[in-house]
Amino acid sequence: MSEKTVVLSFSGGLDTSICVPLLKERYGFDRVVTVAVDVGQPEEEVKMATDKGQLISDLHYTLDAKEAFVKNHIFPAIKANGSYEGYPMGTSLARPLIAEETVKIAKKEGATAIAHGCTGKGNDQLRFDFIFRLHGFEIIAPMREMNLTREWEIEYAEKHNIPVPVVKDKPWSVDENIWSRSIEGGKLEDPAYHPPEEIYHWTIAPRDGPDTPEAITIEFKLGVPVALNGVPMDGISLINKLNTIAGRHGIGRNDMVEDRILGLKARENYEHPAATVILAAHKDLERLTLTRQELAFKVGVDDKWSELAYMGLVYEPLYIALNAFIDTTQRRVNGTVDLELFKGSVRILGRSSPDALYSNDLVSFDSTTLDQAHAIGYSVFFGLQARMVQKK
């Protein structure tokens, strides 16, 4: 009789760690295969997941997906000025990719099901489930199916001698990738609680930033960043470098109450220094290179793109169609943007583009290229109907 195999999307954190024994004890699987996907977590975190997966599971895979994450998910987010309720998305962008990589291993290992450690109150369950169901797999989710609490999970881990990076007095839940770092759980669940500085790892407090502003230049081609301060860089290197530079100026923090997909409001804390700077530069460059009509229409497109990306609906036909429109607009989003970083703020200093729709000659008061008298006829008809109504 062949072994009953389940593949577990594995981070090495509390939830996924206790899933390994649970899948055998409570669900009757003979073999648990763990899959950790590297989307830019700290090296020590990837190593921890690898070592733990090899220790507690029957077989473990660690997959490097950083390049695919940047190219196929972060770059489209930059083009779409991707943000949800005011913050640059990170976790939501990574989940479909992690799910797809997990599916590949499940098919390779002949698994009958795929498991994840998501709760029944969060967004990730839906993002993972969407991809797993798309590929026809049974889904096992012990956290939501067993209504587990964090307290119970910690005690269960202790009983099974499973080391977890969580203690009861600091139960932060952290998700990190190259684009964003999210911190939630524990005392942070109280919207009135003032988060301690210890939760932040990428950014210093803005008040503690350097007393001298720092100027940088980002170059874009086809809507994505390709160079920093005149030095060409691949996406991974540029984002990592800018995370360090902007982080030391205290740039890229969000402390907010967010609306989850299910309708629950949740207190969330985020760090995203590079994302904050890149999106500010990209949006500014668009204003130089896109037409008024393109800009006005793209606001709605970007908002809808962000909503779908937040939900993880990357196979929704509308999402695919929106990407097609956005890619068309980005053909002219080429050029450089100069920015100033200072104590938590980003300020645009200047911008230039070979595709700029800005004309020094046409806009200058000293230019005679356009005959100002031509505006008289336009002015006669401007607001005509409003004037007629006011005269009645």
Protein backbone atom coordinates (compact mmCIF):
# COMPACT_ATOMS: atom_id res chain seq x y z
CA MET A 1 0.00 0.00 0.00
CA SER A 2 1.50 3.35 -1.03
CA GLU A 3 2.12 6.05 1.54
CA LYS A 4 -0.40 8.84 1.90
CA THR A 5 1.56 12.05 1.21
CA VAL A 6 0.74 15.66 1.98
CA VAL A 7 2.85 18.66 0.96
CA LEU A 8 2.99 21.51 3.47
CA SER A 9 3.77 25.10 2.54
CA PHE A 10 6.36 25.72 5.24
CA SER A 11 7.86 28.88 6.74
CA GLY A 12 9.36 27.39 9.88
CA GLY A 13 7.21 29.61 12.10
CA LEU A 14 4.87 28.51 14.83
CA ASP A 15 1.83 27.65 12.70
CA THR A 16 3.55 25.60 10.02
CA SER A 17 5.90 23.91 12.50
CA ILE A 18 3.13 22.34 14.52
CA CYS A 19 1.33 21.35 11.32
CA VAL A 20 3.90 18.62 10.72
CA PRO A 21 2.94 16.43 13.71
CA LEU A 22 -0.72 17.47 13.44
CA LEU A 23 -0.95 16.22 9.85
CA LYS A 24 0.12 12.78 11.05
CA GLU A 25 -1.64 12.64 14.42
CA ARG A 26 -4.97 14.22 13.48
CA TYR A 27 -5.21 13.74 9.71
CA GLY A 28 -3.59 10.34 9.22
CA PHE A 29 -0.94 11.19 6.67
CA ASP A 30 2.04 8.84 6.50
CA ARG A 31 4.41 11.30 4.91
CA VAL A 32 4.74 15.07 5.28
CA VAL A 33 6.83 16.95 2.71
CA THR A 34 7.67 20.54 3.59
CA VAL A 35 8.34 23.30 1.05
CA ALA A 36 9.99 26.62 1.96
CA VAL A 37 10.07 29.29 -0.74
CA ASP A 38 12.70 32.03 -0.58
CA VAL A 39 11.16 35.34 -1.68
CA GLY A 40 13.75 37.50 0.00
CA GLN A 41 13.55 36.57 3.67
CA PRO A 42 16.69 37.01 5.77
CA GLU A 43 19.26 34.30 5.09
CA GLU A 44 19.05 33.12 8.67
CA GLU A 45 15.28 32.72 8.34
CA VAL A 46 15.62 30.66 5.17
CA LYS A 47 18.28 28.54 6.87
CA MET A 48 16.07 28.13 9.93
CA ALA A 49 13.18 26.93 7.77
CA THR A 50 15.48 24.58 5.88
CA ASP A 51 17.09 23.12 8.99
CA LYS A 52 13.76 22.74 10.78
CA GLY A 53 12.06 21.25 7.75
CA GLN A 54 14.82 18.69 7.37
CA LEU A 55 14.58 17.92 11.09
CA ILE A 56 10.85 17.46 11.60
CA SER A 57 9.47 16.42 8.19
CA ASP A 58 9.98 13.35 6.02
CA LEU A 59 11.37 15.38 3.12
CA HIS A 60 12.11 19.07 2.70
CA TYR A 61 12.56 21.43 -0.24
CA THR A 62 13.88 25.00 -0.14
CA LEU A 63 13.27 26.83 -3.41
CA ASP A 64 14.84 30.13 -4.47
CA ALA A 65 12.10 32.22 -6.09
CA LYS A 66 13.49 35.74 -5.51
CA GLU A 67 14.08 36.48 -9.18
CA ALA A 68 10.62 35.27 -10.18
CA PHE A 69 9.09 37.28 -7.33
CA VAL A 70 10.72 40.52 -8.45
CA LYS A 71 10.10 40.02 -12.17
CA ASN A 72 6.59 38.59 -12.11
CA HIS A 73 5.06 40.22 -9.05
CA ILE A 74 6.99 43.23 -7.73
CA PHE A 75 7.69 44.82 -11.13
CA PRO A 76 3.99 44.63 -12.12
CA ALA A 77 3.15 46.18 -8.73
CA ILE A 78 5.49 49.09 -9.43
CA LYS A 79 3.93 49.64 -12.84
CA ALA A 80 0.49 49.64 -11.20
CA ASN A 81 1.57 51.89 -8.29
CA GLY A 82 0.38 48.94 -6.25
CA SER A 83 -0.90 49.80 -2.79
CA TYR A 84 -3.82 48.66 -0.66
CA GLU A 85 -5.53 51.17 1.62
CA GLY A 86 -2.43 53.32 1.55
CA TYR A 87 0.48 50.90 1.98
CA PRO A 88 2.67 49.02 -0.52
CA MET A 89 1.63 45.37 -0.58
CA GLY A 90 4.24 42.70 0.11
CA THR A 91 2.80 39.56 1.66
CA SER A 92 -0.13 39.46 -0.75
CA LEU A 93 2.19 39.71 -3.77
CA ALA A 94 4.28 36.75 -2.61
CA ARG A 95 1.53 34.30 -1.68
CA PRO A 96 0.45 33.24 -5.21
CA LEU A 97 4.08 32.56 -6.13
CA ILE A 98 4.69 30.54 -2.97
CA ALA A 99 1.52 28.58 -3.68
CA GLU A 100 2.56 27.86 -7.27
CA GLU A 101 5.98 26.61 -6.16
CA THR A 102 4.31 24.37 -3.58
CA VAL A 103 2.02 22.94 -6.24
CA LYS A 104 5.03 21.98 -8.36
CA ILE A 105 6.45 19.92 -5.51
CA ALA A 106 3.06 18.37 -4.72
CA LYS A 107 2.81 17.13 -8.31
CA LYS A 108 6.40 15.89 -8.23
CA GLU A 109 5.87 13.97 -4.97
CA GLY A 110 2.50 12.52 -5.94
CA ALA A 111 0.76 14.17 -2.99
CA THR A 112 -2.96 13.70 -2.43
CA ALA A 113 -3.32 17.04 -0.63
CA ILE A 114 -1.60 20.34 0.11
CA ALA A 115 -1.59 21.88 3.58
CA HIS A 116 -0.96 25.37 4.90
CA GLY A 117 -0.78 27.00 8.31
CA CYS A 118 -3.21 29.84 7.69
CA THR A 119 -5.92 30.75 10.16
CA GLY A 120 -9.59 31.13 9.30
CA LYS A 121 -9.56 34.85 10.02
CA GLY A 122 -6.81 36.09 7.74
CA ASN A 123 -6.26 36.73 4.05
CA ASP A 124 -3.59 34.13 3.29
CA GLN A 125 -5.99 31.18 3.48
CA LEU A 126 -7.86 32.57 0.48
CA ARG A 127 -4.73 33.38 -1.51
CA PHE A 128 -3.34 29.88 -1.02
CA ASP A 129 -6.66 28.09 -1.46
CA PHE A 130 -7.32 29.86 -4.76
CA ILE A 131 -4.12 28.51 -6.31
CA PHE A 132 -4.37 25.03 -4.77
CA ARG A 133 -7.98 24.59 -5.90
CA LEU A 134 -7.07 25.85 -9.35
CA HIS A 135 -4.72 22.86 -9.65
CA GLY A 136 -7.26 20.43 -8.21
CA PHE A 137 -5.70 19.63 -4.84
CA GLU A 138 -7.45 18.81 -1.58
CA ILE A 139 -6.66 21.49 1.00
CA ILE A 140 -5.76 20.81 4.62
CA ALA A 141 -5.69 23.79 7.00
CA PRO A 142 -5.33 22.63 10.63
CA MET A 143 -5.34 26.13 12.16
CA ARG A 144 -8.80 27.02 10.88
CA GLU A 145 -10.26 23.51 10.87
CA MET A 146 -9.33 22.92 14.52
CA ASN A 147 -9.98 26.51 15.65
CA LEU A 148 -6.53 26.70 17.21
CA THR A 149 -5.38 29.59 19.36
CA ARG A 150 -1.83 30.88 19.50
CA GLU A 151 -1.60 29.91 23.17
CA TRP A 152 -2.58 26.32 22.37
CA GLU A 153 -0.10 26.20 19.49
CA ILE A 154 2.80 27.34 21.65
CA GLU A 155 2.02 24.72 24.29
CA TYR A 156 1.61 22.02 21.63
CA ALA A 157 5.00 22.92 20.15
CA GLU A 158 6.61 22.71 23.58
CA LYS A 159 5.10 19.26 24.19
CA HIS A 160 6.47 18.02 20.87
CA ASN A 161 9.90 19.62 21.41
CA ILE A 162 9.48 21.81 18.34
CA PRO A 163 11.52 25.01 18.61
CA VAL A 164 9.57 28.08 17.50
CA PRO A 165 10.72 31.74 17.27
CA VAL A 166 7.87 32.89 19.50
CA VAL A 167 7.60 33.33 23.26
CA LYS A 168 4.45 34.14 25.17
CA ASP A 169 5.46 37.65 26.23
CA LYS A 170 6.39 38.71 22.66
CA PRO A 171 4.10 36.82 20.33
CA TRP A 172 4.71 38.90 17.21
CA SER A 173 3.91 37.23 13.92
CA VAL A 174 6.31 38.47 11.23
CA ASP A 175 6.18 37.92 7.49
CA GLU A 176 9.08 39.23 5.48
CA ASN A 177 10.10 39.28 1.85
CA ILE A 178 12.32 41.50 -0.26
CA TRP A 179 9.53 44.10 -0.77
CA SER A 180 7.89 44.34 2.64
CA ARG A 181 7.95 43.27 6.28
CA SER A 182 4.69 42.87 8.21
CA ILE A 183 4.34 42.54 11.99
CA GLU A 184 1.11 41.57 13.72
CA GLY A 185 -0.30 39.56 16.62
CA GLY A 186 -0.05 39.65 20.39
CA LYS A 187 -0.40 43.08 21.95
CA LEU A 188 -0.41 44.62 18.48
CA GLU A 189 -3.94 43.32 18.02
CA ASP A 190 -5.07 46.18 20.25
CA PRO A 191 -5.41 49.24 17.96
CA ALA A 192 -4.66 51.52 20.93
CA TYR A 193 -1.41 49.77 21.86
CA HIS A 194 1.72 51.76 21.06
CA PRO A 195 4.13 49.41 19.24
CA PRO A 196 7.64 49.25 20.71
CA GLU A 197 10.65 50.05 18.55
CA GLU A 198 11.79 46.45 18.85
CA ILE A 199 9.22 45.31 16.27
CA TYR A 200 11.02 47.28 13.54
CA HIS A 201 14.10 45.77 11.90
CA TRP A 202 14.35 47.54 8.53
CA THR A 203 13.80 51.12 9.63
CA ILE A 204 14.98 53.32 12.46
CA ALA A 205 12.67 55.81 14.13
CA PRO A 206 12.43 58.83 11.80
CA ARG A 207 13.51 61.19 14.58
CA ASP A 208 16.76 59.21 14.89
CA GLY A 209 17.59 59.48 11.19
CA PRO A 210 20.65 61.39 9.96
CA ASP A 211 20.49 65.16 10.41
CA THR A 212 21.67 65.61 6.82
CA PRO A 213 19.32 64.79 3.91
CA GLU A 214 20.49 62.27 1.32
CA ALA A 215 19.84 62.74 -2.39
CA ILE A 216 19.46 59.73 -4.66
CA THR A 217 18.54 59.10 -8.31
CA ILE A 218 16.47 56.22 -9.65
CA GLU A 219 16.36 55.40 -13.35
CA PHE A 220 13.36 53.67 -14.89
CA LYS A 221 12.93 51.81 -18.18
CA LEU A 222 9.50 50.61 -19.27
CA GLY A 223 8.14 51.50 -15.85
CA VAL A 224 10.57 49.52 -13.69
CA PRO A 225 13.75 50.64 -11.85
CA VAL A 226 16.99 49.67 -13.57
CA ALA A 227 19.67 51.87 -11.93
CA LEU A 228 20.36 53.57 -8.61
CA ASN A 229 22.59 56.66 -8.48
CA GLY A 230 23.75 55.97 -12.02
CA VAL A 231 24.76 52.36 -11.32
CA PRO A 232 22.81 49.75 -13.34
CA MET A 233 21.38 47.04 -11.08
CA ASP A 234 19.14 44.02 -11.34
CA GLY A 235 15.86 44.24 -9.47
CA ILE A 236 16.94 42.21 -6.44
CA SER A 237 20.14 44.20 -5.88
CA LEU A 238 18.43 47.56 -6.37
CA ILE A 239 15.61 46.79 -3.94
CA ASN A 240 17.97 45.42 -1.29
CA LYS A 241 20.28 48.43 -1.60
CA LEU A 242 17.41 50.90 -1.41
CA ASN A 243 15.90 49.09 1.58
CA THR A 244 19.15 49.81 3.43
CA ILE A 245 19.47 53.43 2.27
CA ALA A 246 15.85 54.44 2.90
CA GLY A 247 15.62 52.38 6.08
CA ARG A 248 18.39 54.33 7.76
CA HIS A 249 16.36 57.49 7.16
CA GLY A 250 13.31 55.97 8.86
CA ILE A 251 11.32 55.80 5.63
CA GLY A 252 8.57 53.28 4.98
CA ARG A 253 6.56 52.57 8.12
CA ASN A 254 2.81 52.00 8.30
CA ASP A 255 0.75 51.48 11.45
CA MET A 256 -2.84 51.09 10.37
CA VAL A 257 -6.21 49.43 10.77
CA GLU A 258 -6.71 47.40 7.61
CA ASP A 259 -9.80 45.84 6.07
CA ARG A 260 -9.17 42.18 5.40
CA ILE A 261 -10.85 40.32 2.57
CA LEU A 262 -13.33 38.69 4.94
CA GLY A 263 -14.47 42.07 6.22
CA LEU A 264 -12.62 41.95 9.53
CA LYS A 265 -10.64 45.00 10.54
CA ALA A 266 -7.11 44.22 11.73
CA ARG A 267 -4.30 46.30 13.17
CA GLU A 268 -1.21 45.90 10.98
CA ASN A 269 2.34 47.25 11.11
CA TYR A 270 4.52 47.34 8.03
CA GLU A 271 8.03 48.28 6.91
CA HIS A 272 8.72 48.91 3.22
CA PRO A 273 11.51 51.49 2.70
CA ALA A 274 12.50 50.63 -0.88
CA ALA A 275 8.88 50.21 -1.96
CA THR A 276 7.94 53.62 -0.55
CA VAL A 277 10.72 55.39 -2.43
CA ILE A 278 10.35 53.50 -5.71
CA LEU A 279 6.58 53.97 -5.89
CA ALA A 280 6.91 57.68 -5.15
CA ALA A 281 9.46 58.05 -7.95
CA HIS A 282 7.48 55.94 -10.40
CA LYS A 283 4.25 57.83 -9.87
CA ASP A 284 6.04 61.13 -10.35
CA LEU A 285 7.66 59.97 -13.60
CA GLU A 286 4.27 58.88 -14.92
CA ARG A 287 3.00 62.44 -14.47
CA LEU A 288 5.79 63.61 -16.74
CA THR A 289 5.29 61.02 -19.48
CA LEU A 290 1.61 60.00 -19.60
CA THR A 291 -1.25 62.05 -20.99
CA ARG A 292 -3.95 63.60 -18.81
CA GLN A 293 -6.46 61.01 -20.03
CA GLU A 294 -4.08 58.11 -19.37
CA LEU A 295 -3.33 59.34 -15.86
CA ALA A 296 -7.00 59.87 -14.99
CA PHE A 297 -8.04 56.44 -16.26
CA LYS A 298 -5.04 54.66 -14.76
CA VAL A 299 -5.97 55.79 -11.23
CA GLY A 300 -9.00 53.51 -11.35
CA VAL A 301 -7.06 50.74 -13.05
CA ASP A 302 -4.33 50.87 -10.40
CA ASP A 303 -6.89 50.76 -7.59
CA LYS A 304 -8.64 47.72 -9.06
CA TRP A 305 -5.32 46.02 -9.82
CA SER A 306 -4.27 46.52 -6.21
CA GLU A 307 -7.53 45.11 -4.88
CA LEU A 308 -7.21 41.97 -6.99
CA ALA A 309 -3.52 41.59 -6.12
CA TYR A 310 -4.35 41.98 -2.43
CA MET A 311 -6.85 39.15 -2.77
CA GLY A 312 -4.32 37.00 -4.63
CA LEU A 313 -6.61 36.66 -7.66
CA VAL A 314 -3.77 36.57 -10.18
CA TYR A 315 -5.73 34.31 -12.55
CA GLU A 316 -8.80 36.55 -12.57
CA PRO A 317 -9.31 37.55 -16.23
CA LEU A 318 -9.75 41.18 -15.23
CA TYR A 319 -6.37 41.14 -13.47
CA ILE A 320 -4.73 39.83 -16.63
CA ALA A 321 -6.51 42.46 -18.75
CA LEU A 322 -5.50 45.27 -16.39
CA ASN A 323 -1.88 44.18 -16.63
CA ALA A 324 -2.11 44.37 -20.42
CA PHE A 325 -3.37 47.96 -20.25
CA ILE A 326 -0.77 48.96 -17.66
CA ASP A 327 2.07 47.46 -19.71
CA THR A 328 0.96 49.55 -22.68
CA THR A 329 1.21 52.77 -20.66
CA GLN A 330 4.62 51.86 -19.29
CA ARG A 331 6.28 51.91 -22.72
CA ARG A 332 6.89 55.64 -22.21
CA VAL A 333 7.69 55.58 -18.50
CA ASN A 334 11.42 55.98 -19.02
CA GLY A 335 13.77 58.42 -17.33
CA THR A 336 15.26 59.43 -14.01
CA VAL A 337 13.86 60.83 -10.79
CA ASP A 338 15.92 62.65 -8.16
CA LEU A 339 14.72 62.31 -4.57
CA GLU A 340 15.66 63.54 -1.12
CA LEU A 341 15.45 61.22 1.88
CA PHE A 342 15.22 62.84 5.30
CA LYS A 343 13.83 61.71 8.67
CA GLY A 344 11.02 59.54 7.41
CA SER A 345 10.06 61.62 4.38
CA VAL A 346 10.61 61.31 0.64
CA ARG A 347 10.68 64.47 -1.46
CA ILE A 348 10.92 64.65 -5.23
CA LEU A 349 13.70 67.00 -6.32
CA GLY A 350 13.40 66.71 -10.08
CA ARG A 351 12.71 64.40 -12.98
CA SER A 352 13.64 63.97 -16.65
CA SER A 353 12.61 61.67 -19.48
CA PRO A 354 13.22 61.26 -23.21
CA ASP A 355 9.47 60.61 -23.42
CA ALA A 356 8.40 63.67 -21.43
CA LEU A 357 5.23 65.42 -22.57
CA TYR A 358 6.51 68.57 -20.91
CA SER A 359 7.78 71.31 -23.26
CA ASN A 360 9.86 74.18 -21.90
CA ASP A 361 9.15 76.11 -25.06
CA LEU A 362 5.38 75.72 -25.09
CA VAL A 363 4.86 76.48 -21.41
CA SER A 364 7.23 79.46 -21.19
CA PHE A 365 5.69 82.94 -20.88
CA ASP A 366 8.49 84.20 -23.10
CA SER A 367 7.81 81.78 -25.95
CA THR A 368 5.95 82.86 -29.09
CA THR A 369 5.61 79.35 -30.56
CA LEU A 370 1.96 79.39 -29.55
CA ASP A 371 -0.07 82.52 -30.26
CA GLN A 372 -1.79 83.35 -26.95
CA ALA A 373 -4.61 85.05 -28.85
CA HIS A 374 -5.75 81.60 -30.01
CA ALA A 375 -6.94 80.96 -26.44
CA ILE A 376 -9.61 83.65 -26.75
CA GLY A 377 -11.93 81.46 -28.80
CA TYR A 378 -11.45 78.56 -26.36
CA SER A 379 -12.25 80.88 -23.46
CA VAL A 380 -15.51 82.04 -25.08
CA PHE A 381 -16.91 78.50 -25.03
CA PHE A 382 -15.29 77.44 -21.73
CA GLY A 383 -17.99 76.97 -19.08
CA LEU A 384 -20.70 78.02 -21.53
CA GLN A 385 -23.46 75.81 -20.17
CA ALA A 386 -22.74 76.76 -16.56
CA ARG A 387 -22.97 80.44 -17.47
CA MET A 388 -26.29 79.85 -19.24
CA VAL A 389 -27.75 78.13 -16.17
CA GLN A 390 -26.59 80.93 -13.85
CA LYS A 391 -28.27 83.57 -16.05
CA LYS A 392 -31.71 81.92 -15.81
